[in-house]
Protein backbone atom coordinates (compact mmCIF):
# COMPACT_ATOMS: atom_id res chain seq x y z
CA MET A 1 76.37 97.23 112.27
CA SER A 2 75.81 98.38 114.98
CA LEU A 3 77.48 101.17 116.79
CA PHE A 4 80.90 99.29 118.08
CA GLU A 5 81.50 97.98 114.81
CA LYS A 6 80.74 101.10 112.90
CA GLN A 7 83.07 102.96 114.82
CA SER A 8 85.63 100.44 114.72
CA ASN A 9 85.47 100.12 111.29
CA LEU A 10 86.47 104.05 111.01
CA GLU A 11 89.51 103.62 112.88
CA HIS A 12 91.17 101.32 110.55
CA GLU A 13 89.56 103.62 107.68
CA ILE A 14 91.94 105.99 109.51
CA TRP A 15 94.94 104.38 110.08
CA SER A 16 94.83 103.14 106.69
CA HIS A 17 94.78 106.64 105.35
CA TRP A 18 97.02 107.60 107.66
CA MET A 19 99.67 104.63 106.70
CA GLN A 20 99.14 105.47 103.20
CA TYR A 21 100.49 109.19 103.41
CA MET A 22 103.36 108.17 105.29
CA PHE A 23 104.14 105.45 102.90
CA SER A 24 103.65 108.30 100.33
CA LYS A 25 106.29 110.20 101.82
CA GLY A 26 109.61 107.87 102.31
CA THR A 27 111.32 106.25 99.51
CA TYR A 28 111.05 101.85 99.38
CA ALA A 29 114.46 99.75 98.97
CA ASP A 30 115.21 97.36 96.71
CA ASP A 31 114.21 94.53 99.95
CA GLY A 32 111.94 96.03 100.59
CA SER A 33 112.11 98.50 103.30
CA TRP A 34 111.49 101.37 103.43
CA VAL A 35 113.00 104.76 105.27
CA MET A 36 111.26 107.39 106.82
CA PRO A 37 112.60 110.61 105.61
CA ALA A 38 114.38 113.19 108.54
CA TRP A 39 111.69 115.34 108.59
CA ALA A 40 109.22 113.26 108.71
CA VAL A 41 110.76 111.57 112.26
CA GLU A 42 111.72 115.69 113.49
CA ARG A 43 107.74 116.27 112.80
CA TRP A 44 106.55 113.61 113.52
CA THR A 45 108.84 113.19 116.49
CA ARG A 46 107.72 116.61 117.57
CA GLN A 47 103.68 116.00 117.46
CA ILE A 48 104.31 112.67 119.70
CA ASN A 49 105.35 114.49 122.12
CA THR A 50 103.27 117.69 122.48
CA SER A 51 100.15 117.66 124.05
CA TYR A 52 97.47 118.42 121.72
CA PHE A 53 96.51 121.71 123.70
CA ASP A 54 100.36 122.57 122.19
CA LEU A 55 99.83 122.16 118.85
CA SER A 56 99.76 124.48 116.55
CA GLU A 57 96.04 124.68 115.11
CA LYS A 58 97.09 123.32 111.08
CA GLU A 59 97.43 120.27 113.22
CA LYS A 60 94.97 120.53 115.84
CA GLU A 61 92.54 120.76 113.14
CA SER A 62 93.72 117.57 111.29
CA ASP A 63 92.91 115.95 114.96
CA ARG A 64 89.07 117.81 115.22
CA GLU A 65 88.69 116.28 111.05
CA GLN A 66 88.90 112.94 112.49
CA VAL A 67 86.49 113.61 115.26
CA TYR A 68 83.85 114.60 113.40
CA LYS A 69 84.42 111.24 111.41
CA HIS A 70 83.06 109.88 114.49
CA LEU A 71 80.54 112.50 116.01
CA LYS A 72 79.01 111.26 112.39
CA ILE A 73 78.39 108.23 112.59
CA ILE A 74 77.60 108.88 115.86
CA GLN A 75 74.70 111.05 114.95
CA GLU A 76 73.77 108.76 112.66
CA GLU A 77 73.08 106.50 115.24
CA LEU A 78 71.15 108.95 117.75
CA ASN A 79 68.84 109.97 114.26
CA GLU A 80 68.13 105.61 113.72
CA ILE A 81 66.89 105.83 117.58
CA ILE A 82 64.74 109.08 117.52
């Protein structure tokens, strides 16, 4: 599998995990719609509007965990070349 496809697969896994997390925090209505709680709207809107460098260390660590996943794939790819 190419590096591009490995990275694309990882992005999908990250997105899927995030969506599962989000949906676990809200509630489903009888018609199948989903309602996001006010605390989540407030928190995630704040994070959307905040630069990475202005996030709390805990929030930055969450982003760093995702980068580590990408770096692992790149390192594995480099190891195959060497």
